[in-house]
Amino acid sequence: MAFRKQWNDHSGHVLDNINGFDVIDCETCGFKHVIPIPAFEDLEKVYRHEYYTQEKPLYLERHISDLDWWNLVYGERYDTFEQILPAERRRILDVGSGPGYFLLHGQERGWQTLGIEPSARAAAHSASLGLEIVEDFLCSANSGQLGKFDVVHMSEVLEHIPDPKGMLELAKDLLYPGGLLCIVVPNDYNPFQEALTKVCEYNPWWVAPPHHVNFFDPDSLSRLFTTTGFEIVLREATFPLEMFLLMGDNYVGNDPLGRQCHNKRKLFEKNITAAGLTKLKRRLYQLLAEEGIGREVLIVGRKVDDVS
């Protein structure tokens, strides 16, 4: 499928059509997204009440069972923030804070934390950990009430929302001069996924509208950072889980096998850490990001328009 489509202010080549949505490589936005773009009102019910009960019913339980590994992941992110920022700058906002463990990890390191989370279930769980959480979506109506921060963190959020550029602009306004924005999103339409669709006849399983609206890669997410006034200080991938598919472990739609592959990935990273090779692993993941490979992409940008 390669024809070009125009829809309102968006135009680009159509990559896929699923559930009545076209995925276009949008020339206007600079990243791939579905059209029509769902309205915020259509997504609000899902993320306030359904996401952790219907879409991901085992998410909290599995996050807790994986917490030792998650704390390694979180620790590397906080290490990055602390290496860049002065020691007195330790105030962080987590947008889409989920069950709260990322903020709890920061709090235990001495950070002043605040989360904003639309899911009633996730917000209640976070509050039970003693965290300060605003149960809402981040928007222009409430952002001015949150204060200013040294870091805004946003993991697995940008792929879900109708206006990613607007979200980055809100984040920028929430940052002190020279503050950091950290975003993690799925790395979709990556080379390993493309190989699986061409050679192994997989359907594009990562395309899941209306829950996933946008599809980023390291370059398109980098462009979004720079066009909204950020200097990129780190680009890093996560473990390329699609390697298991390329080796014959078809975990798509097979939850037990998916958990086995995930556990192997966890064991690899925990053993690397135990061996004192975290720095080497992170350098490897940064090189993967340069090639567009990895299941997710993480970018950290510094606010530059008013750095003193």
Protein backbone atom coordinates (compact mmCIF):
# COMPACT_ATOMS: atom_id res chain seq x y z
CA MET A 1 0.00 0.00 0.00
CA ALA A 2 1.73 3.16 -1.14
CA PHE A 3 -0.80 5.70 -2.38
CA ARG A 4 -0.72 9.24 -1.04
CA LYS A 5 -3.62 10.64 0.99
CA GLN A 6 -4.71 14.14 2.00
CA TRP A 7 -6.85 14.60 5.12
CA ASN A 8 -7.52 18.10 6.46
CA ASP A 9 -4.04 19.53 7.13
CA HIS A 10 -2.31 16.12 6.99
CA SER A 11 -0.93 14.40 3.92
CA GLY A 12 1.47 11.58 3.17
CA HIS A 13 1.85 8.08 1.82
CA VAL A 14 -0.45 5.46 3.32
CA LEU A 15 1.50 2.66 4.99
CA ASP A 16 -1.31 0.52 6.41
CA ASN A 17 -5.07 0.44 6.89
CA ILE A 18 -6.42 -1.17 10.06
CA ASN A 19 -9.76 -0.87 11.88
CA GLY A 20 -10.90 1.87 9.50
CA PHE A 21 -7.79 4.00 10.10
CA ASP A 22 -5.04 4.78 7.59
CA VAL A 23 -1.48 5.11 8.87
CA ILE A 24 0.28 7.86 6.92
CA ASP A 25 3.88 9.03 6.89
CA CYS A 26 2.75 12.60 7.49
CA GLU A 27 4.64 15.33 5.66
CA THR A 28 2.97 17.99 7.81
CA CYS A 29 3.83 16.52 11.23
CA GLY A 30 7.12 14.82 10.40
CA PHE A 31 6.07 11.51 11.96
CA LYS A 32 3.68 8.65 11.18
CA HIS A 33 0.16 8.72 12.57
CA VAL A 34 -3.35 7.48 11.90
CA ILE A 35 -6.06 9.37 10.10
CA PRO A 36 -8.63 10.30 11.04
CA ILE A 37 -7.00 11.43 14.29
CA PRO A 38 -9.28 10.43 17.19
CA ALA A 39 -10.75 13.30 19.18
CA PHE A 40 -9.60 13.74 22.76
CA GLU A 41 -13.13 13.04 23.97
CA ASP A 42 -13.05 9.62 22.27
CA LEU A 43 -9.88 8.67 24.14
CA GLU A 44 -10.75 10.12 27.54
CA LYS A 45 -13.07 7.29 28.64
CA VAL A 46 -10.51 4.65 27.67
CA TYR A 47 -7.64 6.12 29.67
CA ARG A 48 -9.66 7.23 32.70
CA HIS A 49 -11.55 4.00 33.29
CA GLU A 50 -10.74 1.17 30.87
CA TYR A 51 -7.02 1.05 30.11
CA TYR A 52 -5.87 -0.79 33.26
CA THR A 53 -8.99 -2.94 33.52
CA GLN A 54 -9.75 -3.94 29.92
CA GLU A 55 -6.78 -3.05 27.71
CA LYS A 56 -3.98 -4.04 30.15
CA PRO A 57 -5.64 -5.91 33.05
CA LEU A 58 -2.38 -7.56 34.19
CA TYR A 59 -0.22 -4.45 33.90
CA LEU A 60 -0.02 -3.57 37.62
CA GLU A 61 0.51 -7.17 38.72
CA ARG A 62 3.29 -7.73 36.19
CA HIS A 63 4.93 -4.39 36.89
CA ILE A 64 5.22 -5.35 40.54
CA SER A 65 6.60 -8.81 39.73
CA ASP A 66 9.20 -7.17 37.43
CA LEU A 67 10.05 -4.41 39.88
CA ASP A 68 13.67 -5.41 40.48
CA TRP A 69 14.31 -5.09 36.74
CA TRP A 70 12.24 -1.91 36.42
CA ASN A 71 14.32 -0.29 39.15
CA LEU A 72 17.44 -0.95 37.06
CA VAL A 73 15.72 0.76 34.11
CA TYR A 74 14.56 3.68 36.26
CA GLY A 75 17.95 3.99 37.90
CA GLU A 76 19.66 4.51 34.55
CA ARG A 77 17.25 7.33 33.70
CA TYR A 78 17.82 9.08 37.01
CA ASP A 79 21.58 8.56 36.59
CA THR A 80 21.32 10.48 33.31
CA PHE A 81 19.36 13.33 34.88
CA GLU A 82 21.77 13.59 37.80
CA GLN A 83 24.82 13.61 35.54
CA ILE A 84 23.44 16.58 33.57
CA LEU A 85 21.76 18.69 36.25
CA PRO A 86 23.34 20.44 39.24
CA ALA A 87 22.88 18.65 42.55
CA GLU A 88 20.30 21.15 43.81
CA ARG A 89 17.96 20.57 40.84
CA ARG A 90 15.88 17.53 41.74
CA ARG A 91 12.19 18.26 41.02
CA ILE A 92 10.46 15.92 38.56
CA LEU A 93 7.01 15.62 36.98
CA ASP A 94 5.98 12.24 35.56
CA VAL A 95 3.25 12.63 32.92
CA GLY A 96 1.22 9.44 32.67
CA SER A 97 2.76 8.21 35.91
CA GLY A 98 0.95 4.86 35.88
CA PRO A 99 1.41 2.74 39.02
CA GLY A 100 3.92 5.22 40.45
CA TYR A 101 7.08 3.16 40.78
CA PHE A 102 9.18 5.45 38.60
CA LEU A 103 8.39 8.32 40.97
CA LEU A 104 8.87 6.14 44.04
CA HIS A 105 12.36 5.28 42.81
CA GLY A 106 13.12 8.98 42.41
CA GLN A 107 11.70 9.83 45.81
CA GLU A 108 13.96 7.22 47.38
CA ARG A 109 16.93 8.95 45.68
CA GLY A 110 15.94 12.29 47.20
CA TRP A 111 13.93 13.78 44.34
CA GLN A 112 10.85 15.93 44.86
CA THR A 113 8.18 14.20 42.79
CA LEU A 114 4.75 14.82 41.31
CA GLY A 115 2.74 12.59 38.99
CA ILE A 116 -0.21 13.29 36.73
CA GLU A 117 -2.22 10.24 35.68
CA PRO A 118 -5.73 9.96 34.16
CA SER A 119 -6.41 6.34 35.18
CA ALA A 120 -8.37 6.19 38.43
CA ARG A 121 -6.96 2.74 39.23
CA ALA A 122 -3.33 3.67 38.60
CA ALA A 123 -3.65 7.00 40.45
CA ALA A 124 -5.14 5.25 43.49
CA HIS A 125 -2.32 2.71 43.49
CA SER A 126 0.28 5.49 43.32
CA ALA A 127 -1.38 7.34 46.19
CA SER A 128 -1.21 4.12 48.25
CA LEU A 129 2.59 4.31 47.87
CA GLY A 130 2.55 7.76 49.49
CA LEU A 131 3.08 9.66 46.24
CA GLU A 132 1.53 12.98 45.29
CA ILE A 133 -0.59 12.38 42.18
CA VAL A 134 -2.95 14.59 40.19
CA GLU A 135 -5.67 12.36 38.69
CA ASP A 136 -6.10 14.02 35.31
CA PHE A 137 -4.72 14.43 31.80
CA LEU A 138 -2.02 17.05 31.36
CA CYS A 139 -3.58 19.93 29.42
CA SER A 140 -3.39 23.70 29.10
CA ALA A 141 -6.20 24.08 31.66
CA ASN A 142 -4.22 22.47 34.50
CA SER A 143 -0.55 22.78 33.54
CA GLY A 144 -0.21 26.25 35.07
CA GLN A 145 -1.24 24.89 38.47
CA LEU A 146 1.53 22.31 38.69
CA GLY A 147 4.54 24.60 39.14
CA LYS A 148 7.95 24.31 37.51
CA PHE A 149 10.24 21.31 37.25
CA ASP A 150 13.82 20.34 36.50
CA VAL A 151 12.70 17.21 34.62
CA VAL A 152 9.49 16.24 32.84
CA HIS A 153 9.32 12.49 32.19
CA MET A 154 6.85 10.95 29.74
CA SER A 155 7.02 7.20 29.12
CA GLU A 156 4.62 5.41 26.73
CA VAL A 157 2.41 8.51 26.45
CA LEU A 158 3.12 10.29 23.18
CA GLU A 159 1.91 7.43 20.99
CA HIS A 160 -1.58 7.71 22.50
CA ILE A 161 -2.45 11.39 22.19
CA PRO A 162 -3.94 13.46 19.33
CA ASP A 163 -1.42 16.34 19.53
CA PRO A 164 2.17 15.29 20.36
CA LYS A 165 3.66 18.68 19.44
CA GLY A 166 1.22 20.44 21.76
CA MET A 167 2.19 18.06 24.56
CA LEU A 168 5.89 18.88 24.11
CA GLU A 169 5.08 22.58 24.19
CA LEU A 170 3.21 22.10 27.49
CA ALA A 171 6.19 20.17 28.87
CA LYS A 172 8.56 22.92 27.79
CA ASP A 173 6.51 25.55 29.64
CA LEU A 174 6.67 23.40 32.79
CA LEU A 175 10.46 23.29 32.80
CA TYR A 176 12.88 25.65 34.49
CA PRO A 177 15.54 27.11 32.17
CA GLY A 178 17.86 24.32 31.08
CA GLY A 179 15.45 21.66 32.35
CA LEU A 180 15.23 18.20 30.81
CA LEU A 181 12.45 16.43 28.93
CA CYS A 182 12.67 12.62 28.79
CA ILE A 183 10.34 10.76 26.43
CA VAL A 184 10.06 7.02 25.78
CA VAL A 185 7.88 5.72 22.94
CA PRO A 186 7.61 2.50 20.93
CA ASN A 187 10.02 2.44 17.99
CA ASP A 188 7.58 1.45 15.26
CA TYR A 189 8.13 0.66 11.60
CA ASN A 190 11.70 -0.13 12.62
CA PRO A 191 13.98 -2.21 10.35
CA PHE A 192 13.40 -5.49 12.23
CA GLN A 193 9.63 -5.04 12.03
CA GLU A 194 9.89 -4.26 8.33
CA ALA A 195 11.98 -7.41 7.82
CA LEU A 196 9.32 -9.49 9.58
CA THR A 197 6.55 -8.16 7.34
CA LYS A 198 8.58 -8.62 4.14
CA VAL A 199 10.31 -11.95 4.74
CA CYS A 200 8.29 -13.72 7.44
CA GLU A 201 4.84 -12.53 6.33
CA TYR A 202 3.87 -10.96 9.64
CA ASN A 203 1.05 -8.45 9.69
CA PRO A 204 2.01 -5.09 11.29
CA TRP A 205 0.94 -6.13 14.81
CA TRP A 206 2.23 -2.89 16.32
CA VAL A 207 -0.48 -0.85 14.53
CA ALA A 208 -3.33 -0.71 17.05
CA PRO A 209 -5.63 2.26 16.48
CA PRO A 210 -7.31 4.00 18.16
CA HIS A 211 -5.13 3.20 21.20
CA HIS A 212 -1.93 3.99 19.30
CA VAL A 213 -2.37 7.17 17.29
CA ASN A 214 1.28 8.03 16.51
CA PHE A 215 4.27 5.94 15.41
CA PHE A 216 7.75 7.30 16.07
CA ASP A 217 11.33 6.33 15.35
CA PRO A 218 14.55 7.95 16.65
CA ASP A 219 14.74 10.47 13.81
CA SER A 220 11.10 11.57 13.79
CA LEU A 221 11.06 11.93 17.59
CA SER A 222 14.32 13.88 17.42
CA ARG A 223 12.76 16.29 14.93
CA LEU A 224 9.82 16.83 17.24
CA PHE A 225 12.21 17.72 20.08
CA THR A 226 14.23 20.19 18.04
CA THR A 227 11.24 21.92 16.46
CA THR A 228 9.78 22.60 19.92
CA GLY A 229 12.97 24.11 21.34
CA PHE A 230 15.02 21.26 22.82
CA GLU A 231 18.66 20.32 22.36
CA ILE A 232 19.02 16.53 22.28
CA VAL A 233 21.49 15.25 24.87
CA LEU A 234 20.75 11.50 24.69
CA ARG A 235 19.24 9.05 22.18
CA GLU A 236 18.98 5.48 23.36
CA ALA A 237 17.07 2.36 22.29
CA THR A 238 15.75 -0.46 24.42
CA PHE A 239 16.38 -4.16 23.83
CA PRO A 240 15.27 -5.16 20.29
CA LEU A 241 12.61 -7.72 21.23
CA GLU A 242 11.83 -8.35 17.55
CA MET A 243 15.02 -10.42 17.45
CA PHE A 244 13.06 -13.21 19.12
CA LEU A 245 10.54 -13.10 16.28
CA LEU A 246 13.32 -13.17 13.70
CA MET A 247 14.71 -16.27 15.46
CA GLY A 248 11.34 -18.05 15.30
CA ASP A 249 9.79 -17.27 18.69
CA ASN A 250 6.43 -15.91 17.52
CA TYR A 251 5.15 -14.22 20.65
CA VAL A 252 2.60 -12.06 18.80
CA GLY A 253 -0.75 -13.00 20.36
CA ASN A 254 0.98 -15.66 22.48
CA ASP A 255 1.17 -14.22 25.98
CA PRO A 256 3.04 -17.11 27.69
CA LEU A 257 5.75 -17.08 25.01
CA GLY A 258 5.85 -13.29 25.16
CA ARG A 259 6.54 -13.49 28.89
CA GLN A 260 9.32 -16.03 28.27
CA CYS A 261 11.00 -13.69 25.79
CA HIS A 262 10.56 -10.73 28.14
CA ASN A 263 12.12 -12.73 30.99
CA LYS A 264 15.14 -13.56 28.83
CA ARG A 265 15.56 -9.87 28.05
CA LYS A 266 15.33 -9.05 31.78
CA LEU A 267 17.89 -11.72 32.65
CA PHE A 268 20.30 -10.43 30.01
CA GLU A 269 20.11 -6.88 31.37
CA LYS A 270 20.31 -7.93 35.03
CA ASN A 271 23.36 -10.09 34.34
CA ILE A 272 25.04 -7.28 32.40
CA THR A 273 24.42 -4.95 35.34
CA ALA A 274 25.72 -7.50 37.86
CA ALA A 275 28.88 -7.85 35.76
CA GLY A 276 29.51 -4.10 35.98
CA LEU A 277 28.86 -3.58 32.25
CA THR A 278 25.98 -1.11 32.40
CA LYS A 279 28.03 1.57 30.65
CA LEU A 280 28.82 -0.82 27.79
CA LYS A 281 25.18 -1.88 27.49
CA ARG A 282 23.99 1.71 27.33
CA ARG A 283 26.55 2.53 24.67
CA LEU A 284 25.31 -0.48 22.67
CA TYR A 285 21.72 0.72 22.99
CA GLN A 286 22.76 4.21 21.88
CA LEU A 287 24.38 2.72 18.78
CA LEU A 288 21.21 0.72 18.08
CA ALA A 289 19.21 3.95 18.24
CA GLU A 290 21.49 5.48 15.61
CA GLU A 291 20.51 2.60 13.31
CA GLY A 292 16.81 2.88 14.16
CA ILE A 293 16.80 -0.49 15.94
CA GLY A 294 15.25 -1.30 19.33
CA ARG A 295 11.76 -1.93 20.66
CA GLU A 296 11.54 1.57 22.11
CA VAL A 297 13.39 4.83 21.73
CA LEU A 298 14.33 7.10 24.64
CA ILE A 299 15.29 10.72 24.03
CA VAL A 300 16.40 13.29 26.59
CA GLY A 301 16.38 16.93 25.51
CA ARG A 302 17.44 20.11 27.27
CA LYS A 303 15.26 23.22 27.11
CA VAL A 304 17.38 25.73 25.22
CA ASP A 305 15.36 28.84 24.44
CA ASP A 306 16.11 30.54 27.74
CA VAL A 307 19.08 28.69 29.23
CA SER A 308 20.98 31.03 31.52
